[in-house]
Amino acid sequence: MRYEIIGGSFPAANVILNAGETVVTQSGAMAWEDANITMSTNAEGGLLKSIGRMFSGASLMFVKHTAGQDNS
């Protein structure tokens, strides 16, 4: 995995994954991705932890982005 922070006032992380590597983000955090990335959504920690995150202002769900091949 390699990453680079780009941008000034509105920064973004440019992440390059090798095959099988995964990045976990909050729902809605991903702006763009390569066609070789697969996404899966789940509630990490179970239902009660997800509801607790929702009431604290965090995202209810997490999204896993997994690379299908190198340099995705």
PDB file of N, CA and C in Angstrom:
ATOM      1  N   MET A   1       0.848  -1.169   0.000  1.00  0.00           N
ATOM      2  CA  MET A   1       0.000   0.000   0.000  1.00  0.00           C
ATOM      3  C   MET A   1       0.895   1.234   0.000  1.00  0.00           C
ATOM      4  N   ARG A   2       0.552   2.154  -0.877  1.00  0.00           N
ATOM      5  CA  ARG A   2       1.223   3.460  -0.898  1.00  0.00           C
ATOM      6  C   ARG A   2       0.134   4.525  -0.854  1.00  0.00           C
ATOM      7  N   TYR A   3       0.451   5.648  -0.222  1.00  0.00           N
ATOM      8  CA  TYR A   3      -0.536   6.727  -0.196  1.00  0.00           C
ATOM      9  C   TYR A   3       0.170   8.068  -0.289  1.00  0.00           C
ATOM     10  N   GLU A   4      -0.580   9.061  -0.722  1.00  0.00           N
ATOM     11  CA  GLU A   4      -0.087  10.427  -0.842  1.00  0.00           C
ATOM     12  C   GLU A   4      -1.242  11.357  -0.503  1.00  0.00           C
ATOM     13  N   ILE A   5      -0.975  12.358   0.333  1.00  0.00           N
ATOM     14  CA  ILE A   5      -1.987  13.369   0.659  1.00  0.00           C
ATOM     15  C   ILE A   5      -1.843  14.479  -0.376  1.00  0.00           C
ATOM     16  N   ILE A   6      -2.923  14.758  -1.094  1.00  0.00           N
ATOM     17  CA  ILE A   6      -2.904  15.786  -2.126  1.00  0.00           C
ATOM     18  C   ILE A   6      -3.909  16.873  -1.785  1.00  0.00           C
ATOM     19  N   GLY A   7      -3.711  18.071  -2.329  1.00  0.00           N
ATOM     20  CA  GLY A   7      -4.637  19.173  -2.115  1.00  0.00           C
ATOM     21  C   GLY A   7      -4.202  20.058  -0.962  1.00  0.00           C
ATOM     22  N   GLY A   8      -4.729  21.253  -0.932  1.00  0.00           N
ATOM     23  CA  GLY A   8      -4.397  22.217   0.110  1.00  0.00           C
ATOM     24  C   GLY A   8      -5.546  22.405   1.082  1.00  0.00           C
ATOM     25  N   SER A   9      -6.504  23.250   0.696  1.00  0.00           N
ATOM     26  CA  SER A   9      -7.640  23.540   1.562  1.00  0.00           C
ATOM     27  C   SER A   9      -8.586  22.358   1.698  1.00  0.00           C
ATOM     28  N   PHE A  10      -8.667  21.534   0.660  1.00  0.00           N
ATOM     29  CA  PHE A  10      -9.538  20.363   0.661  1.00  0.00           C
ATOM     30  C   PHE A  10      -8.709  19.125   0.333  1.00  0.00           C
ATOM     31  N   PRO A  11      -7.958  18.622   1.292  1.00  0.00           N
ATOM     32  CA  PRO A  11      -7.045  17.510   1.007  1.00  0.00           C
ATOM     33  C   PRO A  11      -7.777  16.187   0.765  1.00  0.00           C
ATOM     34  N   ALA A  12      -7.089  15.314   0.048  1.00  0.00           N
ATOM     35  CA  ALA A  12      -7.583  13.961  -0.214  1.00  0.00           C
ATOM     36  C   ALA A  12      -6.401  13.011  -0.116  1.00  0.00           C
ATOM     37  N   ALA A  13      -6.684  11.761   0.157  1.00  0.00           N
ATOM     38  CA  ALA A  13      -5.642  10.735   0.202  1.00  0.00           C
ATOM     39  C   ALA A  13      -5.722   9.915  -1.079  1.00  0.00           C
ATOM     40  N   ASN A  14      -4.625   9.856  -1.815  1.00  0.00           N
ATOM     41  CA  ASN A  14      -4.521   9.032  -3.007  1.00  0.00           C
ATOM     42  C   ASN A  14      -3.853   7.729  -2.566  1.00  0.00           C
ATOM     43  N   VAL A  15      -4.601   6.618  -2.553  1.00  0.00           N
ATOM     44  CA  VAL A  15      -4.112   5.340  -2.030  1.00  0.00           C
ATOM     45  C   VAL A  15      -3.968   4.358  -3.183  1.00  0.00           C
ATOM     46  N   ILE A  16      -2.806   3.720  -3.275  1.00  0.00           N
ATOM     47  CA  ILE A  16      -2.550   2.697  -4.290  1.00  0.00           C
ATOM     48  C   ILE A  16      -2.373   1.371  -3.564  1.00  0.00           C
ATOM     49  N   LEU A  17      -3.214   0.397  -3.914  1.00  0.00           N
ATOM     50  CA  LEU A  17      -3.222  -0.903  -3.247  1.00  0.00           C
ATOM     51  C   LEU A  17      -2.635  -1.981  -4.135  1.00  0.00           C
ATOM     52  N   ASN A  18      -2.029  -2.984  -3.523  1.00  0.00           N
ATOM     53  CA  ASN A  18      -1.620  -4.193  -4.217  1.00  0.00           C
ATOM     54  C   ASN A  18      -2.745  -5.207  -4.099  1.00  0.00           C
ATOM     55  N   ALA A  19      -2.697  -6.254  -4.897  1.00  0.00           N
ATOM     56  CA  ALA A  19      -3.758  -7.266  -4.925  1.00  0.00           C
ATOM     57  C   ALA A  19      -4.028  -7.803  -3.524  1.00  0.00           C
ATOM     58  N   GLY A  20      -5.302  -7.822  -3.144  1.00  0.00           N
ATOM     59  CA  GLY A  20      -5.714  -8.355  -1.852  1.00  0.00           C
ATOM     60  C   GLY A  20      -5.682  -7.373  -0.700  1.00  0.00           C
ATOM     61  N   GLU A  21      -5.064  -6.203  -0.870  1.00  0.00           N
ATOM     62  CA  GLU A  21      -5.034  -5.208   0.206  1.00  0.00           C
ATOM     63  C   GLU A  21      -6.380  -4.493   0.293  1.00  0.00           C
ATOM     64  N   THR A  22      -6.725  -4.063   1.506  1.00  0.00           N
ATOM     65  CA  THR A  22      -8.031  -3.453   1.767  1.00  0.00           C
ATOM     66  C   THR A  22      -7.874  -2.146   2.532  1.00  0.00           C
ATOM     67  N   VAL A  23      -8.705  -1.172   2.181  1.00  0.00           N
ATOM     68  CA  VAL A  23      -8.813   0.091   2.904  1.00  0.00           C
ATOM     69  C   VAL A  23     -10.241   0.178   3.419  1.00  0.00           C
ATOM     70  N   VAL A  24     -10.417   0.546   4.687  1.00  0.00           N
ATOM     71  CA  VAL A  24     -11.750   0.688   5.283  1.00  0.00           C
ATOM     72  C   VAL A  24     -12.045   2.172   5.442  1.00  0.00           C
ATOM     73  N   THR A  25     -13.211   2.608   4.946  1.00  0.00           N
ATOM     74  CA  THR A  25     -13.611   4.011   5.045  1.00  0.00           C
ATOM     75  C   THR A  25     -15.012   4.100   5.633  1.00  0.00           C
ATOM     76  N   GLN A  26     -15.369   5.289   6.064  1.00  0.00           N
ATOM     77  CA  GLN A  26     -16.752   5.527   6.471  1.00  0.00           C
ATOM     78  C   GLN A  26     -17.596   5.648   5.210  1.00  0.00           C
ATOM     79  N   SER A  27     -18.856   5.337   5.327  1.00  0.00           N
ATOM     80  CA  SER A  27     -19.769   5.436   4.201  1.00  0.00           C
ATOM     81  C   SER A  27     -19.757   6.856   3.634  1.00  0.00           C
ATOM     82  N   GLY A  28     -19.597   6.976   2.324  1.00  0.00           N
ATOM     83  CA  GLY A  28     -19.597   8.281   1.668  1.00  0.00           C
ATOM     84  C   GLY A  28     -18.249   8.972   1.630  1.00  0.00           C
ATOM     85  N   ALA A  29     -17.199   8.355   2.155  1.00  0.00           N
ATOM     86  CA  ALA A  29     -15.896   9.008   2.215  1.00  0.00           C
ATOM     87  C   ALA A  29     -15.101   8.876   0.925  1.00  0.00           C
ATOM     88  N   MET A  30     -15.422   7.906   0.072  1.00  0.00           N
ATOM     89  CA  MET A  30     -14.652   7.662  -1.144  1.00  0.00           C
ATOM     90  C   MET A  30     -15.156   8.560  -2.264  1.00  0.00           C
ATOM     91  N   ALA A  31     -14.252   9.303  -2.909  1.00  0.00           N
ATOM     92  CA  ALA A  31     -14.635  10.197  -3.994  1.00  0.00           C
ATOM     93  C   ALA A  31     -14.541   9.504  -5.353  1.00  0.00           C
ATOM     94  N   TRP A  32     -13.512   8.686  -5.555  1.00  0.00           N
ATOM     95  CA  TRP A  32     -13.351   7.956  -6.814  1.00  0.00           C
ATOM     96  C   TRP A  32     -12.496   6.730  -6.549  1.00  0.00           C
ATOM     97  N   GLU A  33     -12.599   5.739  -7.449  1.00  0.00           N
ATOM     98  CA  GLU A  33     -11.789   4.543  -7.314  1.00  0.00           C
ATOM     99  C   GLU A  33     -11.618   3.877  -8.666  1.00  0.00           C
ATOM    100  N   ASP A  34     -10.599   3.044  -8.766  1.00  0.00           N
ATOM    101  CA  ASP A  34     -10.273   2.301  -9.973  1.00  0.00           C
ATOM    102  C   ASP A  34     -11.310   1.208 -10.209  1.00  0.00           C
ATOM    103  N   ALA A  35     -11.443   0.760 -11.449  1.00  0.00           N
ATOM    104  CA  ALA A  35     -12.400  -0.294 -11.782  1.00  0.00           C
ATOM    105  C   ALA A  35     -12.016  -1.644 -11.167  1.00  0.00           C
ATOM    106  N   ASN A  36     -10.767  -1.822 -10.733  1.00  0.00           N
ATOM    107  CA  ASN A  36     -10.309  -3.090 -10.159  1.00  0.00           C
ATOM    108  C   ASN A  36     -10.557  -3.186  -8.652  1.00  0.00           C
ATOM    109  N   ILE A  37     -11.281  -2.242  -8.095  1.00  0.00           N
ATOM    110  CA  ILE A  37     -11.584  -2.233  -6.664  1.00  0.00           C
ATOM    111  C   ILE A  37     -12.990  -2.780  -6.444  1.00  0.00           C
ATOM    112  N   THR A  38     -13.122  -3.700  -5.481  1.00  0.00           N
ATOM    113  CA  THR A  38     -14.447  -4.184  -5.104  1.00  0.00           C
ATOM    114  C   THR A  38     -14.819  -3.590  -3.750  1.00  0.00           C
ATOM    115  N   MET A  39     -16.098  -3.309  -3.579  1.00  0.00           N
ATOM    116  CA  MET A  39     -16.583  -2.700  -2.342  1.00  0.00           C
ATOM    117  C   MET A  39     -17.514  -3.658  -1.617  1.00  0.00           C
ATOM    118  N   SER A  40     -17.436  -3.636  -0.288  1.00  0.00           N
ATOM    119  CA  SER A  40     -18.407  -4.349   0.538  1.00  0.00           C
ATOM    120  C   SER A  40     -18.723  -3.466   1.736  1.00  0.00           C
ATOM    121  N   THR A  41     -19.983  -3.425   2.107  1.00  0.00           N
ATOM    122  CA  THR A  41     -20.449  -2.568   3.196  1.00  0.00           C
ATOM    123  C   THR A  41     -20.894  -3.424   4.363  1.00  0.00           C
ATOM    124  N   ASN A  42     -20.514  -3.021   5.580  1.00  0.00           N
ATOM    125  CA  ASN A  42     -20.978  -3.737   6.763  1.00  0.00           C
ATOM    126  C   ASN A  42     -20.970  -2.807   7.972  1.00  0.00           C
ATOM    127  N   ALA A  43     -21.578  -3.291   9.025  1.00  0.00           N
ATOM    128  CA  ALA A  43     -21.636  -2.550  10.284  1.00  0.00           C
ATOM    129  C   ALA A  43     -20.590  -3.157  11.220  1.00  0.00           C
ATOM    130  N   GLU A  44     -19.382  -2.621  11.220  1.00  0.00           N
ATOM    131  CA  GLU A  44     -18.293  -3.139  12.057  1.00  0.00           C
ATOM    132  C   GLU A  44     -18.687  -3.080  13.524  1.00  0.00           C
ATOM    133  N   GLY A  45     -18.458  -4.146  14.254  1.00  0.00           N
ATOM    134  CA  GLY A  45     -18.728  -4.165  15.680  1.00  0.00           C
ATOM    135  C   GLY A  45     -20.144  -4.546  16.048  1.00  0.00           C
ATOM    136  N   GLY A  46     -20.982  -4.810  15.063  1.00  0.00           N
ATOM    137  CA  GLY A  46     -22.349  -5.222  15.356  1.00  0.00           C
ATOM    138  C   GLY A  46     -23.339  -4.066  15.409  1.00  0.00           C
ATOM    139  N   LEU A  47     -24.576  -4.419  15.631  1.00  0.00           N
ATOM    140  CA  LEU A  47     -25.676  -3.457  15.588  1.00  0.00           C
ATOM    141  C   LEU A  47     -25.582  -2.392  16.676  1.00  0.00           C
ATOM    142  N   LEU A  48     -25.297  -2.774  17.911  1.00  0.00           N
ATOM    143  CA  LEU A  48     -25.271  -1.798  19.010  1.00  0.00           C
ATOM    144  C   LEU A  48     -24.145  -0.781  18.842  1.00  0.00           C
ATOM    145  N   LYS A  49     -22.975  -1.235  18.421  1.00  0.00           N
ATOM    146  CA  LYS A  49     -21.872  -0.289  18.190  1.00  0.00           C
ATOM    147  C   LYS A  49     -22.203   0.643  17.030  1.00  0.00           C
ATOM    148  N   SER A  50     -22.870   0.124  16.003  1.00  0.00           N
ATOM    149  CA  SER A  50     -23.256   0.954  14.858  1.00  0.00           C
ATOM    150  C   SER A  50     -24.231   2.043  15.284  1.00  0.00           C
ATOM    151  N   ILE A  51     -25.201   1.687  16.115  1.00  0.00           N
ATOM    152  CA  ILE A  51     -26.167   2.673  16.607  1.00  0.00           C
ATOM    153  C   ILE A  51     -25.464   3.711  17.475  1.00  0.00           C
ATOM    154  N   GLY A  52     -24.506   3.281  18.291  1.00  0.00           N
ATOM    155  CA  GLY A  52     -23.731   4.218  19.104  1.00  0.00           C
ATOM    156  C   GLY A  52     -22.965   5.209  18.246  1.00  0.00           C
ATOM    157  N   ARG A  53     -22.366   4.724  17.132  1.00  0.00           N
ATOM    158  CA  ARG A  53     -21.657   5.620  16.210  1.00  0.00           C
ATOM    159  C   ARG A  53     -22.622   6.607  15.580  1.00  0.00           C
ATOM    160  N   MET A  54     -23.818   6.149  15.248  1.00  0.00           N
ATOM    161  CA  MET A  54     -24.807   7.018  14.622  1.00  0.00           C
ATOM    162  C   MET A  54     -25.170   8.172  15.554  1.00  0.00           C
ATOM    163  N   PHE A  55     -25.387   7.885  16.844  1.00  0.00           N
ATOM    164  CA  PHE A  55     -25.748   8.931  17.799  1.00  0.00           C
ATOM    165  C   PHE A  55     -24.588   9.870  18.114  1.00  0.00           C
ATOM    166  N   SER A  56     -23.362   9.416  17.890  1.00  0.00           N
ATOM    167  CA  SER A  56     -22.210  10.283  18.141  1.00  0.00           C
ATOM    168  C   SER A  56     -21.846  11.112  16.915  1.00  0.00           C
ATOM    169  N   GLY A  57     -22.592  10.934  15.811  1.00  0.00           N
ATOM    170  CA  GLY A  57     -22.349  11.731  14.614  1.00  0.00           C
ATOM    171  C   GLY A  57     -21.457  11.044  13.597  1.00  0.00           C
ATOM    172  N   ALA A  58     -20.969   9.850  13.893  1.00  0.00           N
ATOM    173  CA  ALA A  58     -20.137   9.114  12.953  1.00  0.00           C
ATOM    174  C   ALA A  58     -21.027   8.312  12.010  1.00  0.00           C
ATOM    175  N   SER A  59     -20.411   7.699  11.023  1.00  0.00           N
ATOM    176  CA  SER A  59     -21.145   6.917  10.041  1.00  0.00           C
ATOM    177  C   SER A  59     -21.636   5.601  10.637  1.00  0.00           C
ATOM    178  N   LEU A  60     -22.824   5.209  10.254  1.00  0.00           N
ATOM    179  CA  LEU A  60     -23.413   3.961  10.725  1.00  0.00           C
ATOM    180  C   LEU A  60     -22.695   2.752  10.122  1.00  0.00           C
ATOM    181  N   MET A  61     -22.308   2.859   8.865  1.00  0.00           N
ATOM    182  CA  MET A  61     -21.706   1.742   8.140  1.00  0.00           C
ATOM    183  C   MET A  61     -20.258   2.053   7.748  1.00  0.00           C
ATOM    184  N   PHE A  62     -19.497   0.994   7.536  1.00  0.00           N
ATOM    185  CA  PHE A  62     -18.144   1.097   7.009  1.00  0.00           C
ATOM    186  C   PHE A  62     -18.104   0.409   5.652  1.00  0.00           C
ATOM    187  N   VAL A  63     -17.225   0.882   4.772  1.00  0.00           N
ATOM    188  CA  VAL A  63     -17.080   0.302   3.445  1.00  0.00           C
ATOM    189  C   VAL A  63     -15.646  -0.210   3.311  1.00  0.00           C
ATOM    190  N   LYS A  64     -15.502  -1.461   2.876  1.00  0.00           N
ATOM    191  CA  LYS A  64     -14.185  -2.048   2.627  1.00  0.00           C
ATOM    192  C   LYS A  64     -13.934  -2.006   1.121  1.00  0.00           C
ATOM    193  N   HIS A  65     -12.808  -1.420   0.720  1.00  0.00           N
ATOM    194  CA  HIS A  65     -12.399  -1.330  -0.676  1.00  0.00           C
ATOM    195  C   HIS A  65     -11.198  -2.261  -0.835  1.00  0.00           C
ATOM    196  N   THR A  66     -11.329  -3.306  -1.645  1.00  0.00           N
ATOM    197  CA  THR A  66     -10.284  -4.321  -1.797  1.00  0.00           C
ATOM    198  C   THR A  66      -9.815  -4.353  -3.250  1.00  0.00           C
ATOM    199  N   ALA A  67      -8.482  -4.358  -3.440  1.00  0.00           N
ATOM    200  CA  ALA A  67      -7.896  -4.374  -4.777  1.00  0.00           C
ATOM    201  C   ALA A  67      -7.911  -5.776  -5.361  1.00  0.00           C
ATOM    202  N   GLY A  68      -8.299  -5.900  -6.629  1.00  0.00           N
ATOM    203  CA  GLY A  68      -8.303  -7.171  -7.316  1.00  0.00           C
ATOM    204  C   GLY A  68      -6.973  -7.478  -7.979  1.00  0.00           C
ATOM    205  N   GLN A  69      -6.179  -6.438  -8.240  1.00  0.00           N
ATOM    206  CA  GLN A  69      -4.860  -6.620  -8.835  1.00  0.00           C
ATOM    207  C   GLN A  69      -3.931  -5.506  -8.345  1.00  0.00           C
ATOM    208  N   ASP A  70      -2.643  -5.664  -8.576  1.00  0.00           N
ATOM    209  CA  ASP A  70      -1.664  -4.680  -8.094  1.00  0.00           C
ATOM    210  C   ASP A  70      -1.882  -3.314  -8.726  1.00  0.00           C
ATOM    211  N   ASN A  71      -1.465  -2.279  -7.986  1.00  0.00           N
ATOM    212  CA  ASN A  71      -1.517  -0.881  -8.410  1.00  0.00           C
ATOM    213  C   ASN A  71      -2.913  -0.409  -8.741  1.00  0.00           C
ATOM    214  N   SER A  72      -3.886  -0.841  -7.954  1.00  0.00           N
ATOM    215  CA  SER A  72      -5.275  -0.399  -8.146  1.00  0.00           C
ATOM    216  C   SER A  72      -5.549   0.824  -7.296  1.00  0.00           C
TER     217      SER A  72
END
